[in-house]
Amino acid sequence: MEMEIYFPSDEKINARIGNMEIETGDAPGSPYPFQLFLASIGTCAGIYVKGFCKKRGLPTDGIRIIQRMTSRTPNGPIEGIELDIQLPPEFPEKYYDAIIRAANQCAVKKHMENPPKFNVHTSVPQTVAS
């Protein structure tokens, strides 16, 4: 899998993945990459929660996932992430533990628990003379 990161303006840093484009940067209204990273944790868990419900014919109306990050200092590194899966009163209690197991299948969470190795380097692509 390959992703292209490029700089369309002084304030933007974008990513291209196949046909999808993700805009980030310092432009007003643009999310910072770290915000997207954090959002990917909760939304990934949400995909598994929604899939769990869909497979069992359970409605997702009223389900919310509240993600909380904790750190020792206001701008310090994040030390803990909590996912609070809020269920409506009519949600069947027999599925409470199972929906937690479903959320724990999140690929982003699994990658954070077993992080990949990084290899950051430079290169100069060869141009083909015409």
N, C-alpha and C. Protein backbone atom coordinates (compact mmCIF):
# COMPACT_ATOMS: atom_id res chain seq x y z
N MET A 1 0.85 -1.17 0.00
CA MET A 1 0.00 0.00 0.00
C MET A 1 0.90 1.23 0.00
N GLU A 2 0.51 2.23 -0.77
CA GLU A 2 1.29 3.46 -0.85
C GLU A 2 0.36 4.65 -0.73
N MET A 3 0.85 5.69 -0.08
CA MET A 3 0.12 6.92 0.11
C MET A 3 1.05 8.07 -0.28
N GLU A 4 0.53 9.03 -1.01
CA GLU A 4 1.33 10.19 -1.40
C GLU A 4 0.95 11.39 -0.53
N ILE A 5 1.95 12.00 0.07
CA ILE A 5 1.76 13.21 0.86
C ILE A 5 2.33 14.36 0.04
N TYR A 6 1.57 15.43 -0.13
CA TYR A 6 2.04 16.55 -0.95
C TYR A 6 1.54 17.86 -0.37
N PHE A 7 2.07 18.96 -0.89
CA PHE A 7 1.85 20.29 -0.32
C PHE A 7 1.19 21.20 -1.37
N PRO A 8 -0.16 21.23 -1.43
CA PRO A 8 -0.85 22.02 -2.45
C PRO A 8 -0.80 23.53 -2.21
N SER A 9 -0.47 23.95 -0.98
CA SER A 9 -0.34 25.38 -0.68
C SER A 9 0.53 25.52 0.56
N ASP A 10 0.81 26.77 0.94
CA ASP A 10 1.63 27.02 2.12
C ASP A 10 0.99 26.51 3.40
N GLU A 11 -0.35 26.40 3.42
CA GLU A 11 -1.06 26.03 4.64
C GLU A 11 -1.60 24.61 4.63
N LYS A 12 -1.44 23.89 3.55
CA LYS A 12 -2.05 22.56 3.46
C LYS A 12 -1.02 21.47 3.25
N ILE A 13 -1.30 20.34 3.87
CA ILE A 13 -0.54 19.12 3.66
C ILE A 13 -1.59 18.04 3.42
N ASN A 14 -1.63 17.50 2.22
CA ASN A 14 -2.66 16.55 1.84
C ASN A 14 -2.10 15.15 1.65
N ALA A 15 -2.98 14.18 1.72
CA ALA A 15 -2.62 12.78 1.48
C ALA A 15 -3.54 12.23 0.39
N ARG A 16 -2.95 11.49 -0.52
CA ARG A 16 -3.71 10.83 -1.59
C ARG A 16 -3.55 9.32 -1.41
N ILE A 17 -4.68 8.65 -1.25
CA ILE A 17 -4.70 7.20 -1.10
C ILE A 17 -5.66 6.67 -2.16
N GLY A 18 -5.13 6.10 -3.23
CA GLY A 18 -6.00 5.67 -4.32
C GLY A 18 -6.75 6.87 -4.88
N ASN A 19 -8.08 6.79 -4.91
CA ASN A 19 -8.91 7.89 -5.40
C ASN A 19 -9.34 8.86 -4.31
N MET A 20 -8.94 8.60 -3.08
CA MET A 20 -9.36 9.43 -1.95
C MET A 20 -8.29 10.46 -1.61
N GLU A 21 -8.76 11.64 -1.26
CA GLU A 21 -7.86 12.72 -0.87
C GLU A 21 -8.24 13.22 0.52
N ILE A 22 -7.24 13.36 1.39
CA ILE A 22 -7.47 13.84 2.74
C ILE A 22 -6.71 15.15 2.90
N GLU A 23 -7.45 16.20 3.27
CA GLU A 23 -6.84 17.52 3.44
C GLU A 23 -6.54 17.78 4.91
N THR A 24 -5.31 18.22 5.19
CA THR A 24 -4.92 18.61 6.54
C THR A 24 -4.09 19.88 6.44
N GLY A 25 -3.67 20.39 7.59
CA GLY A 25 -2.74 21.50 7.57
C GLY A 25 -3.11 22.62 8.50
N ASP A 26 -2.53 23.79 8.22
CA ASP A 26 -2.72 24.97 9.06
C ASP A 26 -3.82 25.89 8.54
N ALA A 27 -4.45 25.57 7.42
CA ALA A 27 -5.50 26.42 6.88
C ALA A 27 -6.71 26.42 7.81
N PRO A 28 -7.37 27.56 7.95
CA PRO A 28 -8.57 27.61 8.80
C PRO A 28 -9.58 26.54 8.37
N GLY A 29 -10.07 25.79 9.35
CA GLY A 29 -11.04 24.75 9.05
C GLY A 29 -10.44 23.41 8.68
N SER A 30 -9.14 23.36 8.46
CA SER A 30 -8.49 22.09 8.13
C SER A 30 -8.10 21.38 9.41
N PRO A 31 -8.38 20.09 9.49
CA PRO A 31 -7.94 19.37 10.69
C PRO A 31 -6.43 19.17 10.68
N TYR A 32 -5.84 19.16 11.87
CA TYR A 32 -4.43 18.83 11.98
C TYR A 32 -4.29 17.31 11.86
N PRO A 33 -3.18 16.83 11.33
CA PRO A 33 -3.01 15.38 11.19
C PRO A 33 -3.20 14.61 12.49
N PHE A 34 -2.77 15.17 13.61
CA PHE A 34 -2.93 14.45 14.87
C PHE A 34 -4.40 14.31 15.25
N GLN A 35 -5.22 15.32 14.91
CA GLN A 35 -6.65 15.22 15.16
C GLN A 35 -7.25 14.08 14.34
N LEU A 36 -6.81 13.95 13.10
CA LEU A 36 -7.31 12.85 12.25
C LEU A 36 -6.86 11.51 12.80
N PHE A 37 -5.63 11.45 13.28
CA PHE A 37 -5.12 10.22 13.88
C PHE A 37 -5.99 9.82 15.06
N LEU A 38 -6.27 10.76 15.95
CA LEU A 38 -7.10 10.46 17.12
C LEU A 38 -8.51 10.06 16.69
N ALA A 39 -9.06 10.77 15.72
CA ALA A 39 -10.41 10.44 15.23
C ALA A 39 -10.45 9.05 14.60
N SER A 40 -9.34 8.62 14.02
CA SER A 40 -9.32 7.30 13.39
C SER A 40 -9.50 6.18 14.41
N ILE A 41 -9.12 6.42 15.65
CA ILE A 41 -9.28 5.40 16.70
C ILE A 41 -10.77 5.17 16.98
N GLY A 42 -11.47 6.24 17.30
CA GLY A 42 -12.89 6.11 17.62
C GLY A 42 -13.74 5.71 16.44
N THR A 43 -13.44 6.26 15.25
CA THR A 43 -14.25 5.91 14.09
C THR A 43 -13.99 4.47 13.65
N CYS A 44 -12.78 4.00 13.84
CA CYS A 44 -12.48 2.60 13.54
C CYS A 44 -13.27 1.69 14.46
N ALA A 45 -13.27 1.99 15.75
CA ALA A 45 -14.08 1.21 16.70
C ALA A 45 -15.55 1.28 16.29
N GLY A 46 -15.97 2.45 15.82
CA GLY A 46 -17.35 2.64 15.37
C GLY A 46 -17.73 1.73 14.22
N ILE A 47 -16.79 1.49 13.31
CA ILE A 47 -17.05 0.58 12.19
C ILE A 47 -17.36 -0.82 12.72
N TYR A 48 -16.60 -1.26 13.71
CA TYR A 48 -16.82 -2.60 14.27
C TYR A 48 -18.10 -2.66 15.09
N VAL A 49 -18.41 -1.61 15.83
CA VAL A 49 -19.66 -1.56 16.60
C VAL A 49 -20.85 -1.59 15.64
N LYS A 50 -20.78 -0.78 14.60
CA LYS A 50 -21.88 -0.73 13.63
C LYS A 50 -22.04 -2.07 12.91
N GLY A 51 -20.91 -2.69 12.54
CA GLY A 51 -20.97 -4.00 11.89
C GLY A 51 -21.57 -5.06 12.80
N PHE A 52 -21.22 -5.02 14.08
CA PHE A 52 -21.77 -5.94 15.07
C PHE A 52 -23.29 -5.81 15.11
N CYS A 53 -23.76 -4.57 15.20
CA CYS A 53 -25.21 -4.32 15.27
C CYS A 53 -25.91 -4.74 13.98
N LYS A 54 -25.32 -4.39 12.86
CA LYS A 54 -25.93 -4.71 11.57
C LYS A 54 -26.08 -6.23 11.40
N LYS A 55 -25.05 -6.96 11.80
CA LYS A 55 -25.05 -8.42 11.67
C LYS A 55 -26.18 -9.05 12.49
N ARG A 56 -26.56 -8.40 13.58
CA ARG A 56 -27.59 -8.93 14.47
C ARG A 56 -28.94 -8.23 14.31
N GLY A 57 -29.02 -7.34 13.34
CA GLY A 57 -30.28 -6.63 13.12
C GLY A 57 -30.62 -5.65 14.23
N LEU A 58 -29.60 -5.15 14.94
CA LEU A 58 -29.82 -4.19 16.02
C LEU A 58 -29.69 -2.77 15.49
N PRO A 59 -30.60 -1.88 15.86
CA PRO A 59 -30.49 -0.49 15.40
C PRO A 59 -29.30 0.21 16.06
N THR A 60 -28.71 1.14 15.34
CA THR A 60 -27.59 1.91 15.89
C THR A 60 -28.03 3.30 16.35
N ASP A 61 -29.32 3.58 16.21
CA ASP A 61 -29.84 4.87 16.68
C ASP A 61 -29.55 5.02 18.17
N GLY A 62 -28.99 6.12 18.55
CA GLY A 62 -28.74 6.38 19.97
C GLY A 62 -27.40 5.87 20.47
N ILE A 63 -26.68 5.10 19.66
CA ILE A 63 -25.36 4.64 20.08
C ILE A 63 -24.35 5.75 19.80
N ARG A 64 -23.52 6.03 20.76
CA ARG A 64 -22.45 7.02 20.62
C ARG A 64 -21.19 6.43 21.22
N ILE A 65 -20.06 6.79 20.65
CA ILE A 65 -18.78 6.44 21.25
C ILE A 65 -18.12 7.76 21.64
N ILE A 66 -17.87 7.91 22.92
CA ILE A 66 -17.19 9.11 23.42
C ILE A 66 -15.75 8.70 23.69
N GLN A 67 -14.84 9.39 23.03
CA GLN A 67 -13.42 9.10 23.18
C GLN A 67 -12.78 10.16 24.05
N ARG A 68 -12.09 9.71 25.09
CA ARG A 68 -11.43 10.64 26.00
C ARG A 68 -9.94 10.31 26.03
N MET A 69 -9.13 11.35 25.95
CA MET A 69 -7.69 11.20 26.01
C MET A 69 -7.19 11.83 27.31
N THR A 70 -6.25 11.16 27.97
CA THR A 70 -5.70 11.71 29.20
C THR A 70 -4.19 11.87 29.06
N SER A 71 -3.69 12.90 29.73
CA SER A 71 -2.24 13.14 29.79
C SER A 71 -1.94 13.80 31.13
N ARG A 72 -0.69 13.78 31.53
CA ARG A 72 -0.31 14.37 32.81
C ARG A 72 -0.36 15.89 32.79
N THR A 73 -0.06 16.47 31.64
CA THR A 73 -0.09 17.92 31.51
C THR A 73 -0.98 18.29 30.33
N PRO A 74 -1.52 19.51 30.30
CA PRO A 74 -2.45 19.90 29.24
C PRO A 74 -1.94 19.68 27.81
N ASN A 75 -0.67 19.94 27.56
CA ASN A 75 -0.13 19.77 26.21
C ASN A 75 0.85 18.61 26.12
N GLY A 76 0.84 17.76 27.13
CA GLY A 76 1.76 16.63 27.16
C GLY A 76 1.28 15.48 26.29
N PRO A 77 2.13 14.47 26.17
CA PRO A 77 1.76 13.31 25.36
C PRO A 77 0.57 12.56 25.97
N ILE A 78 -0.22 11.99 25.12
CA ILE A 78 -1.38 11.23 25.56
C ILE A 78 -0.91 9.94 26.22
N GLU A 79 -1.42 9.68 27.41
CA GLU A 79 -1.05 8.48 28.16
C GLU A 79 -2.15 7.46 28.21
N GLY A 80 -3.38 7.88 27.95
CA GLY A 80 -4.50 6.95 28.00
C GLY A 80 -5.60 7.37 27.07
N ILE A 81 -6.29 6.39 26.50
CA ILE A 81 -7.43 6.64 25.63
C ILE A 81 -8.58 5.76 26.12
N GLU A 82 -9.71 6.38 26.36
CA GLU A 82 -10.90 5.67 26.81
C GLU A 82 -11.96 5.77 25.71
N LEU A 83 -12.57 4.65 25.38
CA LEU A 83 -13.71 4.63 24.47
C LEU A 83 -14.93 4.23 25.29
N ASP A 84 -15.84 5.15 25.47
CA ASP A 84 -17.07 4.94 26.22
C ASP A 84 -18.18 4.69 25.21
N ILE A 85 -18.59 3.44 25.06
CA ILE A 85 -19.66 3.10 24.11
C ILE A 85 -20.98 3.32 24.84
N GLN A 86 -21.66 4.39 24.50
CA GLN A 86 -22.92 4.73 25.15
C GLN A 86 -24.06 4.09 24.37
N LEU A 87 -24.84 3.27 25.07
CA LEU A 87 -25.93 2.52 24.45
C LEU A 87 -27.27 3.06 24.91
N PRO A 88 -28.27 3.02 24.04
CA PRO A 88 -29.61 3.47 24.46
C PRO A 88 -30.21 2.46 25.45
N PRO A 89 -31.16 2.89 26.26
CA PRO A 89 -31.74 2.01 27.28
C PRO A 89 -32.32 0.71 26.72
N GLU A 90 -32.83 0.77 25.50
CA GLU A 90 -33.47 -0.42 24.92
C GLU A 90 -32.47 -1.41 24.30
N PHE A 91 -31.17 -1.08 24.30
CA PHE A 91 -30.18 -1.99 23.73
C PHE A 91 -30.11 -3.24 24.61
N PRO A 92 -30.14 -4.44 23.98
CA PRO A 92 -30.15 -5.68 24.77
C PRO A 92 -28.88 -5.84 25.62
N GLU A 93 -29.08 -6.00 26.92
CA GLU A 93 -27.96 -6.12 27.87
C GLU A 93 -27.08 -7.33 27.56
N LYS A 94 -27.65 -8.36 26.97
CA LYS A 94 -26.87 -9.57 26.68
C LYS A 94 -25.74 -9.30 25.69
N TYR A 95 -25.77 -8.16 24.98
CA TYR A 95 -24.74 -7.83 24.00
C TYR A 95 -23.69 -6.85 24.51
N TYR A 96 -23.79 -6.40 25.74
CA TYR A 96 -22.85 -5.39 26.27
C TYR A 96 -21.39 -5.83 26.13
N ASP A 97 -21.07 -7.02 26.63
CA ASP A 97 -19.67 -7.49 26.56
C ASP A 97 -19.24 -7.74 25.13
N ALA A 98 -20.15 -8.26 24.31
CA ALA A 98 -19.83 -8.57 22.92
C ALA A 98 -19.54 -7.31 22.11
N ILE A 99 -20.24 -6.23 22.41
CA ILE A 99 -20.01 -5.00 21.65
C ILE A 99 -18.65 -4.40 22.02
N ILE A 100 -18.22 -4.60 23.26
CA ILE A 100 -16.87 -4.18 23.65
C ILE A 100 -15.83 -5.00 22.90
N ARG A 101 -16.05 -6.30 22.81
CA ARG A 101 -15.12 -7.17 22.05
C ARG A 101 -15.07 -6.74 20.59
N ALA A 102 -16.22 -6.37 20.04
CA ALA A 102 -16.26 -5.91 18.64
C ALA A 102 -15.43 -4.64 18.48
N ALA A 103 -15.60 -3.67 19.37
CA ALA A 103 -14.85 -2.41 19.30
C ALA A 103 -13.35 -2.66 19.44
N ASN A 104 -12.98 -3.65 20.24
CA ASN A 104 -11.57 -3.97 20.45
C ASN A 104 -10.91 -4.60 19.22
N GLN A 105 -11.69 -4.93 18.21
CA GLN A 105 -11.13 -5.47 16.96
C GLN A 105 -10.58 -4.38 16.05
N CYS A 106 -10.76 -3.13 16.42
CA CYS A 106 -10.32 -1.98 15.61
C CYS A 106 -8.86 -2.13 15.19
N ALA A 107 -8.61 -2.03 13.89
CA ALA A 107 -7.26 -2.18 13.35
C ALA A 107 -6.33 -1.06 13.81
N VAL A 108 -6.83 0.15 13.98
CA VAL A 108 -6.00 1.26 14.44
C VAL A 108 -5.51 0.97 15.85
N LYS A 109 -6.41 0.54 16.71
CA LYS A 109 -6.05 0.20 18.09
C LYS A 109 -5.02 -0.92 18.11
N LYS A 110 -5.22 -1.94 17.30
CA LYS A 110 -4.28 -3.07 17.27
C LYS A 110 -2.90 -2.61 16.80
N HIS A 111 -2.84 -1.68 15.84
CA HIS A 111 -1.56 -1.18 15.38
C HIS A 111 -0.86 -0.32 16.44
N MET A 112 -1.64 0.37 17.24
CA MET A 112 -1.04 1.16 18.32
C MET A 112 -0.49 0.24 19.41
N GLU A 113 -1.16 -0.87 19.65
CA GLU A 113 -0.70 -1.81 20.67
C GLU A 113 0.55 -2.56 20.21
N ASN A 114 0.70 -2.74 18.91
CA ASN A 114 1.86 -3.40 18.31
C ASN A 114 2.35 -2.53 17.16
N PRO A 115 3.01 -1.41 17.49
CA PRO A 115 3.33 -0.42 16.44
C PRO A 115 4.32 -0.95 15.39
N PRO A 116 4.14 -0.47 14.15
CA PRO A 116 5.09 -0.84 13.10
C PRO A 116 6.42 -0.11 13.29
N LYS A 117 7.45 -0.60 12.65
CA LYS A 117 8.75 0.08 12.66
C LYS A 117 8.71 1.17 11.59
N PHE A 118 9.34 2.29 11.88
CA PHE A 118 9.39 3.40 10.93
C PHE A 118 10.75 3.43 10.25
N ASN A 119 10.75 3.74 8.97
CA ASN A 119 11.97 3.92 8.19
C ASN A 119 11.80 5.22 7.42
N VAL A 120 12.33 6.30 7.94
CA VAL A 120 12.22 7.61 7.30
C VAL A 120 13.52 7.89 6.59
N HIS A 121 13.44 8.20 5.29
CA HIS A 121 14.65 8.47 4.50
C HIS A 121 14.32 9.43 3.37
N THR A 122 15.32 9.86 2.64
CA THR A 122 15.12 10.73 1.49
C THR A 122 15.48 9.97 0.22
N SER A 123 14.94 10.45 -0.90
CA SER A 123 15.31 9.91 -2.21
C SER A 123 15.08 10.99 -3.25
N VAL A 124 15.68 10.85 -4.40
CA VAL A 124 15.47 11.75 -5.51
C VAL A 124 15.00 10.86 -6.67
N PRO A 125 13.70 10.95 -6.99
CA PRO A 125 13.18 10.09 -8.07
C PRO A 125 13.88 10.40 -9.39
N GLN A 126 14.16 9.37 -10.14
CA GLN A 126 14.78 9.53 -11.46
C GLN A 126 13.74 9.98 -12.46
N THR A 127 14.12 10.96 -13.27
CA THR A 127 13.20 11.42 -14.33
C THR A 127 13.60 10.73 -15.63
N VAL A 128 12.61 10.49 -16.43
CA VAL A 128 12.84 9.83 -17.72
C VAL A 128 12.98 10.93 -18.78
N ALA A 129 14.09 10.93 -19.50
CA ALA A 129 14.31 11.93 -20.56
C ALA A 129 13.44 11.59 -21.75
N SER A 130 12.87 12.63 -22.38
CA SER A 130 12.02 12.37 -23.54
C SER A 130 12.72 12.71 -24.83
